[in-house]
Amino acid sequence: MDNQHRKIAGYNEFDAETIDLMNQVRQHNHEIAKLVEMVKQRIATQRTAAIGDADLTRRMNAAEPERWAALGRTSIQQGLMFLTRAVAQPEF
């Protein structure tokens, strides 16, 4: 459907420049999602390597890499949402 956002309350008409910029934000979202997945895989590999290694397990437990990866993911999602709203400029 052409100009679907017209059907969404609070959104204005988007010109080509606005649409292009929003698409760029979305593209970065996909790239960053891949990076987040790489970090999660690295942590999983480290956890597997830590089996039977008390020092490495202790260090990883203290560092909480899974927690920080999750917080990073959430913060990135928020940042991208903030950028999208900055470009779309909804009324609410």
PDB file of N, CA and C in Angstrom:
ATOM      1  N   MET A   1       0.857  -1.171   0.000  1.00  0.00           N
ATOM      2  CA  MET A   1       0.000   0.000   0.000  1.00  0.00           C
ATOM      3  C   MET A   1       0.905   1.236   0.000  1.00  0.00           C
ATOM      4  N   ASP A   2       0.585   2.172  -0.848  1.00  0.00           N
ATOM      5  CA  ASP A   2       1.347   3.409  -0.942  1.00  0.00           C
ATOM      6  C   ASP A   2       1.100   4.283   0.284  1.00  0.00           C
ATOM      7  N   ASN A   3       2.190   4.807   0.852  1.00  0.00           N
ATOM      8  CA  ASN A   3       2.099   5.725   1.991  1.00  0.00           C
ATOM      9  C   ASN A   3       1.290   5.143   3.154  1.00  0.00           C
ATOM     10  N   GLN A   4       1.670   3.949   3.576  1.00  0.00           N
ATOM     11  CA  GLN A   4       0.969   3.269   4.662  1.00  0.00           C
ATOM     12  C   GLN A   4       0.943   4.091   5.943  1.00  0.00           C
ATOM     13  N   HIS A   5       1.986   4.894   6.159  1.00  0.00           N
ATOM     14  CA  HIS A   5       2.061   5.664   7.399  1.00  0.00           C
ATOM     15  C   HIS A   5       0.911   6.659   7.541  1.00  0.00           C
ATOM     16  N   ARG A   6       0.250   7.005   6.445  1.00  0.00           N
ATOM     17  CA  ARG A   6      -0.911   7.898   6.536  1.00  0.00           C
ATOM     18  C   ARG A   6      -2.026   7.261   7.359  1.00  0.00           C
ATOM     19  N   LYS A   7      -2.030   5.945   7.401  1.00  0.00           N
ATOM     20  CA  LYS A   7      -3.064   5.214   8.137  1.00  0.00           C
ATOM     21  C   LYS A   7      -2.735   5.126   9.625  1.00  0.00           C
ATOM     22  N   ILE A   8      -1.536   5.530  10.010  1.00  0.00           N
ATOM     23  CA  ILE A   8      -1.105   5.458  11.406  1.00  0.00           C
ATOM     24  C   ILE A   8      -1.283   6.836  12.029  1.00  0.00           C
ATOM     25  N   ALA A   9      -2.099   6.912  13.067  1.00  0.00           N
ATOM     26  CA  ALA A   9      -2.374   8.191  13.722  1.00  0.00           C
ATOM     27  C   ALA A   9      -1.091   8.825  14.241  1.00  0.00           C
ATOM     28  N   GLY A  10      -0.929  10.114  14.010  1.00  0.00           N
ATOM     29  CA  GLY A  10       0.193  10.860  14.554  1.00  0.00           C
ATOM     30  C   GLY A  10       1.398  10.978  13.642  1.00  0.00           C
ATOM     31  N   TYR A  11       1.365  10.316  12.483  1.00  0.00           N
ATOM     32  CA  TYR A  11       2.493  10.397  11.562  1.00  0.00           C
ATOM     33  C   TYR A  11       2.166  11.321  10.404  1.00  0.00           C
ATOM     34  N   ASN A  12       3.174  12.035   9.943  1.00  0.00           N
ATOM     35  CA  ASN A  12       3.029  12.969   8.835  1.00  0.00           C
ATOM     36  C   ASN A  12       3.446  12.301   7.533  1.00  0.00           C
ATOM     37  N   GLU A  13       3.251  13.002   6.454  1.00  0.00           N
ATOM     38  CA  GLU A  13       3.709  12.549   5.142  1.00  0.00           C
ATOM     39  C   GLU A  13       5.237  12.536   5.131  1.00  0.00           C
ATOM     40  N   PHE A  14       5.832  11.465   4.639  1.00  0.00           N
ATOM     41  CA  PHE A  14       7.289  11.375   4.560  1.00  0.00           C
ATOM     42  C   PHE A  14       7.741  11.690   3.141  1.00  0.00           C
ATOM     43  N   ASP A  15       8.736  12.566   3.021  1.00  0.00           N
ATOM     44  CA  ASP A  15       9.324  12.815   1.715  1.00  0.00           C
ATOM     45  C   ASP A  15      10.411  11.765   1.467  1.00  0.00           C
ATOM     46  N   ALA A  16      10.967  11.772   0.263  1.00  0.00           N
ATOM     47  CA  ALA A  16      11.956  10.761  -0.121  1.00  0.00           C
ATOM     48  C   ALA A  16      13.186  10.798   0.786  1.00  0.00           C
ATOM     49  N   GLU A  17      13.621  11.984   1.171  1.00  0.00           N
ATOM     50  CA  GLU A  17      14.796  12.116   2.029  1.00  0.00           C
ATOM     51  C   GLU A  17      14.544  11.478   3.400  1.00  0.00           C
ATOM     52  N   THR A  18      13.360  11.696   3.946  1.00  0.00           N
ATOM     53  CA  THR A  18      13.002  11.112   5.242  1.00  0.00           C
ATOM     54  C   THR A  18      12.963   9.593   5.152  1.00  0.00           C
ATOM     55  N   ILE A  19      12.346   9.092   4.111  1.00  0.00           N
ATOM     56  CA  ILE A  19      12.260   7.642   3.921  1.00  0.00           C
ATOM     57  C   ILE A  19      13.650   7.042   3.765  1.00  0.00           C
ATOM     58  N   ASP A  20      14.505   7.680   2.981  1.00  0.00           N
ATOM     59  CA  ASP A  20      15.872   7.191   2.796  1.00  0.00           C
ATOM     60  C   ASP A  20      16.629   7.153   4.116  1.00  0.00           C
ATOM     61  N   LEU A  21      16.485   8.197   4.913  1.00  0.00           N
ATOM     62  CA  LEU A  21      17.187   8.250   6.195  1.00  0.00           C
ATOM     63  C   LEU A  21      16.664   7.178   7.151  1.00  0.00           C
ATOM     64  N   MET A  22      15.362   6.979   7.170  1.00  0.00           N
ATOM     65  CA  MET A  22      14.797   5.925   8.017  1.00  0.00           C
ATOM     66  C   MET A  22      15.291   4.552   7.568  1.00  0.00           C
ATOM     67  N   ASN A  23      15.400   4.353   6.269  1.00  0.00           N
ATOM     68  CA  ASN A  23      15.923   3.087   5.755  1.00  0.00           C
ATOM     69  C   ASN A  23      17.386   2.893   6.131  1.00  0.00           C
ATOM     70  N   GLN A  24      18.149   3.971   6.177  1.00  0.00           N
ATOM     71  CA  GLN A  24      19.549   3.867   6.608  1.00  0.00           C
ATOM     72  C   GLN A  24      19.630   3.447   8.069  1.00  0.00           C
ATOM     73  N   VAL A  25      18.775   4.011   8.902  1.00  0.00           N
ATOM     74  CA  VAL A  25      18.733   3.606  10.313  1.00  0.00           C
ATOM     75  C   VAL A  25      18.404   2.122  10.398  1.00  0.00           C
ATOM     76  N   ARG A  26      17.422   1.669   9.630  1.00  0.00           N
ATOM     77  CA  ARG A  26      17.039   0.251   9.635  1.00  0.00           C
ATOM     78  C   ARG A  26      18.190  -0.631   9.160  1.00  0.00           C
ATOM     79  N   GLN A  27      18.924  -0.173   8.158  1.00  0.00           N
ATOM     80  CA  GLN A  27      20.053  -0.961   7.659  1.00  0.00           C
ATOM     81  C   GLN A  27      21.099  -1.137   8.760  1.00  0.00           C
ATOM     82  N   HIS A  28      21.368  -0.087   9.497  1.00  0.00           N
ATOM     83  CA  HIS A  28      22.319  -0.196  10.605  1.00  0.00           C
ATOM     84  C   HIS A  28      21.804  -1.162  11.660  1.00  0.00           C
ATOM     85  N   ASN A  29      20.508  -1.190  11.845  1.00  0.00           N
ATOM     86  CA  ASN A  29      19.911  -2.126  12.789  1.00  0.00           C
ATOM     87  C   ASN A  29      20.290  -3.561  12.428  1.00  0.00           C
ATOM     88  N   HIS A  30      20.187  -3.906  11.153  1.00  0.00           N
ATOM     89  CA  HIS A  30      20.520  -5.263  10.716  1.00  0.00           C
ATOM     90  C   HIS A  30      22.007  -5.555  10.901  1.00  0.00           C
ATOM     91  N   GLU A  31      22.852  -4.584  10.590  1.00  0.00           N
ATOM     92  CA  GLU A  31      24.295  -4.766  10.748  1.00  0.00           C
ATOM     93  C   GLU A  31      24.667  -4.940  12.222  1.00  0.00           C
ATOM     94  N   ILE A  32      24.081  -4.136  13.076  1.00  0.00           N
ATOM     95  CA  ILE A  32      24.379  -4.213  14.508  1.00  0.00           C
ATOM     96  C   ILE A  32      23.844  -5.511  15.095  1.00  0.00           C
ATOM     97  N   ALA A  33      22.699  -5.981  14.605  1.00  0.00           N
ATOM     98  CA  ALA A  33      22.159  -7.259  15.080  1.00  0.00           C
ATOM     99  C   ALA A  33      23.142  -8.392  14.798  1.00  0.00           C
ATOM    100  N   LYS A  34      23.799  -8.349  13.655  1.00  0.00           N
ATOM    101  CA  LYS A  34      24.818  -9.357  13.329  1.00  0.00           C
ATOM    102  C   LYS A  34      25.990  -9.260  14.299  1.00  0.00           C
ATOM    103  N   LEU A  35      26.407  -8.046  14.619  1.00  0.00           N
ATOM    104  CA  LEU A  35      27.503  -7.846  15.562  1.00  0.00           C
ATOM    105  C   LEU A  35      27.137  -8.367  16.947  1.00  0.00           C
ATOM    106  N   VAL A  36      25.929  -8.087  17.393  1.00  0.00           N
ATOM    107  CA  VAL A  36      25.467  -8.578  18.695  1.00  0.00           C
ATOM    108  C   VAL A  36      25.500 -10.103  18.710  1.00  0.00           C
ATOM    109  N   GLU A  37      25.063 -10.725  17.633  1.00  0.00           N
ATOM    110  CA  GLU A  37      25.075 -12.191  17.553  1.00  0.00           C
ATOM    111  C   GLU A  37      26.508 -12.721  17.607  1.00  0.00           C
ATOM    112  N   MET A  38      27.444 -12.045  16.960  1.00  0.00           N
ATOM    113  CA  MET A  38      28.854 -12.448  17.014  1.00  0.00           C
ATOM    114  C   MET A  38      29.383 -12.389  18.445  1.00  0.00           C
ATOM    115  N   VAL A  39      29.029 -11.339  19.173  1.00  0.00           N
ATOM    116  CA  VAL A  39      29.457 -11.203  20.571  1.00  0.00           C
ATOM    117  C   VAL A  39      28.870 -12.337  21.403  1.00  0.00           C
ATOM    118  N   LYS A  40      27.578 -12.629  21.211  1.00  0.00           N
ATOM    119  CA  LYS A  40      26.939 -13.707  21.963  1.00  0.00           C
ATOM    120  C   LYS A  40      27.594 -15.055  21.663  1.00  0.00           C
ATOM    121  N   GLN A  41      27.935 -15.284  20.406  1.00  0.00           N
ATOM    122  CA  GLN A  41      28.607 -16.532  20.033  1.00  0.00           C
ATOM    123  C   GLN A  41      29.986 -16.631  20.677  1.00  0.00           C
ATOM    124  N   ARG A  42      30.700 -15.526  20.719  1.00  0.00           N
ATOM    125  CA  ARG A  42      32.026 -15.493  21.353  1.00  0.00           C
ATOM    126  C   ARG A  42      31.905 -15.845  22.830  1.00  0.00           C
ATOM    127  N   ILE A  43      30.930 -15.279  23.497  1.00  0.00           N
ATOM    128  CA  ILE A  43      30.724 -15.566  24.920  1.00  0.00           C
ATOM    129  C   ILE A  43      30.383 -17.041  25.109  1.00  0.00           C
ATOM    130  N   ALA A  44      29.524 -17.578  24.243  1.00  0.00           N
ATOM    131  CA  ALA A  44      29.160 -18.998  24.336  1.00  0.00           C
ATOM    132  C   ALA A  44      30.382 -19.886  24.144  1.00  0.00           C
ATOM    133  N   THR A  45      31.245 -19.517  23.211  1.00  0.00           N
ATOM    134  CA  THR A  45      32.485 -20.269  22.987  1.00  0.00           C
ATOM    135  C   THR A  45      33.375 -20.210  24.219  1.00  0.00           C
ATOM    136  N   GLN A  46      33.469 -19.036  24.824  1.00  0.00           N
ATOM    137  CA  GLN A  46      34.268 -18.891  26.039  1.00  0.00           C
ATOM    138  C   GLN A  46      33.680 -19.714  27.180  1.00  0.00           C
ATOM    139  N   ARG A  47      32.355 -19.728  27.301  1.00  0.00           N
ATOM    140  CA  ARG A  47      31.712 -20.520  28.361  1.00  0.00           C
ATOM    141  C   ARG A  47      32.023 -22.003  28.180  1.00  0.00           C
ATOM    142  N   THR A  48      31.987 -22.465  26.946  1.00  0.00           N
ATOM    143  CA  THR A  48      32.313 -23.864  26.671  1.00  0.00           C
ATOM    144  C   THR A  48      33.766 -24.146  27.033  1.00  0.00           C
ATOM    145  N   ALA A  49      34.650 -23.233  26.678  1.00  0.00           N
ATOM    146  CA  ALA A  49      36.070 -23.399  26.997  1.00  0.00           C
ATOM    147  C   ALA A  49      36.317 -23.360  28.499  1.00  0.00           C
ATOM    148  N   ALA A  50      35.437 -22.706  29.232  1.00  0.00           N
ATOM    149  CA  ALA A  50      35.616 -22.562  30.682  1.00  0.00           C
ATOM    150  C   ALA A  50      35.220 -23.816  31.455  1.00  0.00           C
ATOM    151  N   ILE A  51      34.548 -24.745  30.789  1.00  0.00           N
ATOM    152  CA  ILE A  51      34.160 -25.980  31.478  1.00  0.00           C
ATOM    153  C   ILE A  51      35.427 -26.683  31.964  1.00  0.00           C
ATOM    154  N   GLY A  52      35.486 -26.914  33.253  1.00  0.00           N
ATOM    155  CA  GLY A  52      36.654 -27.565  33.847  1.00  0.00           C
ATOM    156  C   GLY A  52      37.792 -26.612  34.181  1.00  0.00           C
ATOM    157  N   ASP A  53      37.645 -25.339  33.857  1.00  0.00           N
ATOM    158  CA  ASP A  53      38.676 -24.341  34.166  1.00  0.00           C
ATOM    159  C   ASP A  53      38.087 -23.380  35.197  1.00  0.00           C
ATOM    160  N   ALA A  54      38.381 -23.661  36.454  1.00  0.00           N
ATOM    161  CA  ALA A  54      37.780 -22.899  37.556  1.00  0.00           C
ATOM    162  C   ALA A  54      38.131 -21.416  37.491  1.00  0.00           C
ATOM    163  N   ASP A  55      39.374 -21.097  37.131  1.00  0.00           N
ATOM    164  CA  ASP A  55      39.781 -19.687  37.070  1.00  0.00           C
ATOM    165  C   ASP A  55      39.011 -18.930  35.985  1.00  0.00           C
ATOM    166  N   LEU A  56      38.903 -19.535  34.814  1.00  0.00           N
ATOM    167  CA  LEU A  56      38.184 -18.887  33.717  1.00  0.00           C
ATOM    168  C   LEU A  56      36.692 -18.767  34.050  1.00  0.00           C
ATOM    169  N   THR A  57      36.133 -19.803  34.651  1.00  0.00           N
ATOM    170  CA  THR A  57      34.725 -19.756  35.054  1.00  0.00           C
ATOM    171  C   THR A  57      34.493 -18.652  36.067  1.00  0.00           C
ATOM    172  N   ARG A  58      35.366 -18.550  37.041  1.00  0.00           N
ATOM    173  CA  ARG A  58      35.252 -17.514  38.071  1.00  0.00           C
ATOM    174  C   ARG A  58      35.346 -16.118  37.443  1.00  0.00           C
ATOM    175  N   ARG A  59      36.323 -15.956  36.545  1.00  0.00           N
ATOM    176  CA  ARG A  59      36.502 -14.659  35.886  1.00  0.00           C
ATOM    177  C   ARG A  59      35.262 -14.285  35.077  1.00  0.00           C
ATOM    178  N   MET A  60      34.741 -15.235  34.312  1.00  0.00           N
ATOM    179  CA  MET A  60      33.564 -14.944  33.490  1.00  0.00           C
ATOM    180  C   MET A  60      32.336 -14.677  34.350  1.00  0.00           C
ATOM    181  N   ASN A  61      32.193 -15.430  35.428  1.00  0.00           N
ATOM    182  CA  ASN A  61      31.055 -15.191  36.321  1.00  0.00           C
ATOM    183  C   ASN A  61      31.122 -13.792  36.926  1.00  0.00           C
ATOM    184  N   ALA A  62      32.322 -13.367  37.280  1.00  0.00           N
ATOM    185  CA  ALA A  62      32.493 -12.027  37.854  1.00  0.00           C
ATOM    186  C   ALA A  62      32.257 -10.936  36.801  1.00  0.00           C
ATOM    187  N   ALA A  63      32.678 -11.194  35.579  1.00  0.00           N
ATOM    188  CA  ALA A  63      32.560 -10.193  34.509  1.00  0.00           C
ATOM    189  C   ALA A  63      31.138 -10.085  33.947  1.00  0.00           C
ATOM    190  N   GLU A  64      30.348 -11.129  34.088  1.00  0.00           N
ATOM    191  CA  GLU A  64      28.962 -11.154  33.608  1.00  0.00           C
ATOM    192  C   GLU A  64      28.819 -10.743  32.136  1.00  0.00           C
ATOM    193  N   PRO A  65      29.551 -11.384  31.226  1.00  0.00           N
ATOM    194  CA  PRO A  65      29.490 -10.951  29.831  1.00  0.00           C
ATOM    195  C   PRO A  65      28.108 -11.084  29.196  1.00  0.00           C
ATOM    196  N   GLU A  66      27.337 -12.100  29.590  1.00  0.00           N
ATOM    197  CA  GLU A  66      25.992 -12.254  29.028  1.00  0.00           C
ATOM    198  C   GLU A  66      25.110 -11.066  29.399  1.00  0.00           C
ATOM    199  N   ARG A  67      25.232 -10.633  30.629  1.00  0.00           N
ATOM    200  CA  ARG A  67      24.453  -9.477  31.093  1.00  0.00           C
ATOM    201  C   ARG A  67      24.816  -8.233  30.295  1.00  0.00           C
ATOM    202  N   TRP A  68      26.125  -8.000  30.132  1.00  0.00           N
ATOM    203  CA  TRP A  68      26.558  -6.800  29.417  1.00  0.00           C
ATOM    204  C   TRP A  68      26.178  -6.854  27.940  1.00  0.00           C
ATOM    205  N   ALA A  69      26.225  -8.040  27.360  1.00  0.00           N
ATOM    206  CA  ALA A  69      25.795  -8.181  25.965  1.00  0.00           C
ATOM    207  C   ALA A  69      24.306  -7.866  25.840  1.00  0.00           C
ATOM    208  N   ALA A  70      23.507  -8.356  26.784  1.00  0.00           N
ATOM    209  CA  ALA A  70      22.063  -8.086  26.757  1.00  0.00           C
ATOM    210  C   ALA A  70      21.780  -6.600  26.956  1.00  0.00           C
ATOM    211  N   LEU A  71      22.491  -5.978  27.882  1.00  0.00           N
ATOM    212  CA  LEU A  71      22.308  -4.541  28.099  1.00  0.00           C
ATOM    213  C   LEU A  71      22.729  -3.745  26.864  1.00  0.00           C
ATOM    214  N   GLY A  72      23.823  -4.163  26.242  1.00  0.00           N
ATOM    215  CA  GLY A  72      24.266  -3.504  25.017  1.00  0.00           C
ATOM    216  C   GLY A  72      23.223  -3.615  23.919  1.00  0.00           C
ATOM    217  N   ARG A  73      22.650  -4.800  23.779  1.00  0.00           N
ATOM    218  CA  ARG A  73      21.602  -5.019  22.778  1.00  0.00           C
ATOM    219  C   ARG A  73      20.409  -4.104  23.044  1.00  0.00           C
ATOM    220  N   THR A  74      19.977  -4.048  24.289  1.00  0.00           N
ATOM    221  CA  THR A  74      18.839  -3.200  24.647  1.00  0.00           C
ATOM    222  C   THR A  74      19.144  -1.727  24.383  1.00  0.00           C
ATOM    223  N   SER A  75      20.325  -1.291  24.768  1.00  0.00           N
ATOM    224  CA  SER A  75      20.702   0.117  24.561  1.00  0.00           C
ATOM    225  C   SER A  75      20.761   0.464  23.078  1.00  0.00           C
ATOM    226  N   ILE A  76      21.278  -0.452  22.285  1.00  0.00           N
ATOM    227  CA  ILE A  76      21.336  -0.221  20.841  1.00  0.00           C
ATOM    228  C   ILE A  76      19.927  -0.144  20.268  1.00  0.00           C
ATOM    229  N   GLN A  77      19.050  -1.054  20.699  1.00  0.00           N
ATOM    230  CA  GLN A  77      17.662  -1.011  20.241  1.00  0.00           C
ATOM    231  C   GLN A  77      17.021   0.328  20.597  1.00  0.00           C
ATOM    232  N   GLN A  78      17.261   0.787  21.802  1.00  0.00           N
ATOM    233  CA  GLN A  78      16.706   2.078  22.215  1.00  0.00           C
ATOM    234  C   GLN A  78      17.271   3.206  21.363  1.00  0.00           C
ATOM    235  N   GLY A  79      18.564   3.199  21.149  1.00  0.00           N
ATOM    236  CA  GLY A  79      19.191   4.241  20.349  1.00  0.00           C
ATOM    237  C   GLY A  79      18.645   4.290  18.933  1.00  0.00           C
ATOM    238  N   LEU A  80      18.469   3.126  18.319  1.00  0.00           N
ATOM    239  CA  LEU A  80      17.918   3.085  16.970  1.00  0.00           C
ATOM    240  C   LEU A  80      16.461   3.545  16.950  1.00  0.00           C
ATOM    241  N   MET A  81      15.713   3.191  17.990  1.00  0.00           N
ATOM    242  CA  MET A  81      14.333   3.661  18.096  1.00  0.00           C
ATOM    243  C   MET A  81      14.317   5.185  18.238  1.00  0.00           C
ATOM    244  N   PHE A  82      15.218   5.717  19.057  1.00  0.00           N
ATOM    245  CA  PHE A  82      15.291   7.169  19.243  1.00  0.00           C
ATOM    246  C   PHE A  82      15.607   7.862  17.917  1.00  0.00           C
ATOM    247  N   LEU A  83      16.551   7.298  17.158  1.00  0.00           N
ATOM    248  CA  LEU A  83      16.892   7.885  15.859  1.00  0.00           C
ATOM    249  C   LEU A  83      15.711   7.826  14.897  1.00  0.00           C
ATOM    250  N   THR A  84      14.998   6.709  14.898  1.00  0.00           N
ATOM    251  CA  THR A  84      13.829   6.569  14.029  1.00  0.00           C
ATOM    252  C   THR A  84      12.781   7.617  14.371  1.00  0.00           C
ATOM    253  N   ARG A  85      12.534   7.805  15.655  1.00  0.00           N
ATOM    254  CA  ARG A  85      11.554   8.823  16.072  1.00  0.00           C
ATOM    255  C   ARG A  85      12.048  10.231  15.727  1.00  0.00           C
ATOM    256  N   ALA A  86      13.350  10.458  15.820  1.00  0.00           N
ATOM    257  CA  ALA A  86      13.899  11.770  15.476  1.00  0.00           C
ATOM    258  C   ALA A  86      13.674  12.078  13.999  1.00  0.00           C
ATOM    259  N   VAL A  87      13.765  11.058  13.171  1.00  0.00           N
ATOM    260  CA  VAL A  87      13.556  11.247  11.737  1.00  0.00           C
ATOM    261  C   VAL A  87      12.063  11.328  11.406  1.00  0.00           C
ATOM    262  N   ALA A  88      11.261  10.404  11.953  1.00  0.00           N
ATOM    263  CA  ALA A  88       9.828  10.342  11.627  1.00  0.00           C
ATOM    264  C   ALA A  88       9.036  11.474  12.270  1.00  0.00           C
ATOM    265  N   GLN A  89       9.475  11.929  13.423  1.00  0.00           N
ATOM    266  CA  GLN A  89       8.848  13.029  14.151  1.00  0.00           C
ATOM    267  C   GLN A  89       7.336  12.853  14.324  1.00  0.00           C
ATOM    268  N   PRO A  90       6.944  11.748  14.988  1.00  0.00           N
ATOM    269  CA  PRO A  90       5.509  11.566  15.237  1.00  0.00           C
ATOM    270  C   PRO A  90       4.996  12.640  16.185  1.00  0.00           C
ATOM    271  N   GLU A  91       3.701  12.856  16.163  1.00  0.00           N
ATOM    272  CA  GLU A  91       3.083  13.917  16.965  1.00  0.00           C
ATOM    273  C   GLU A  91       2.953  13.560  18.432  1.00  0.00           C
ATOM    274  N   PHE A  92       3.085  12.306  18.779  1.00  0.00           N
ATOM    275  CA  PHE A  92       2.904  11.886  20.165  1.00  0.00           C
ATOM    276  C   PHE A  92       4.219  11.603  20.829  1.00  0.00           C
TER     277      PHE A  92
END
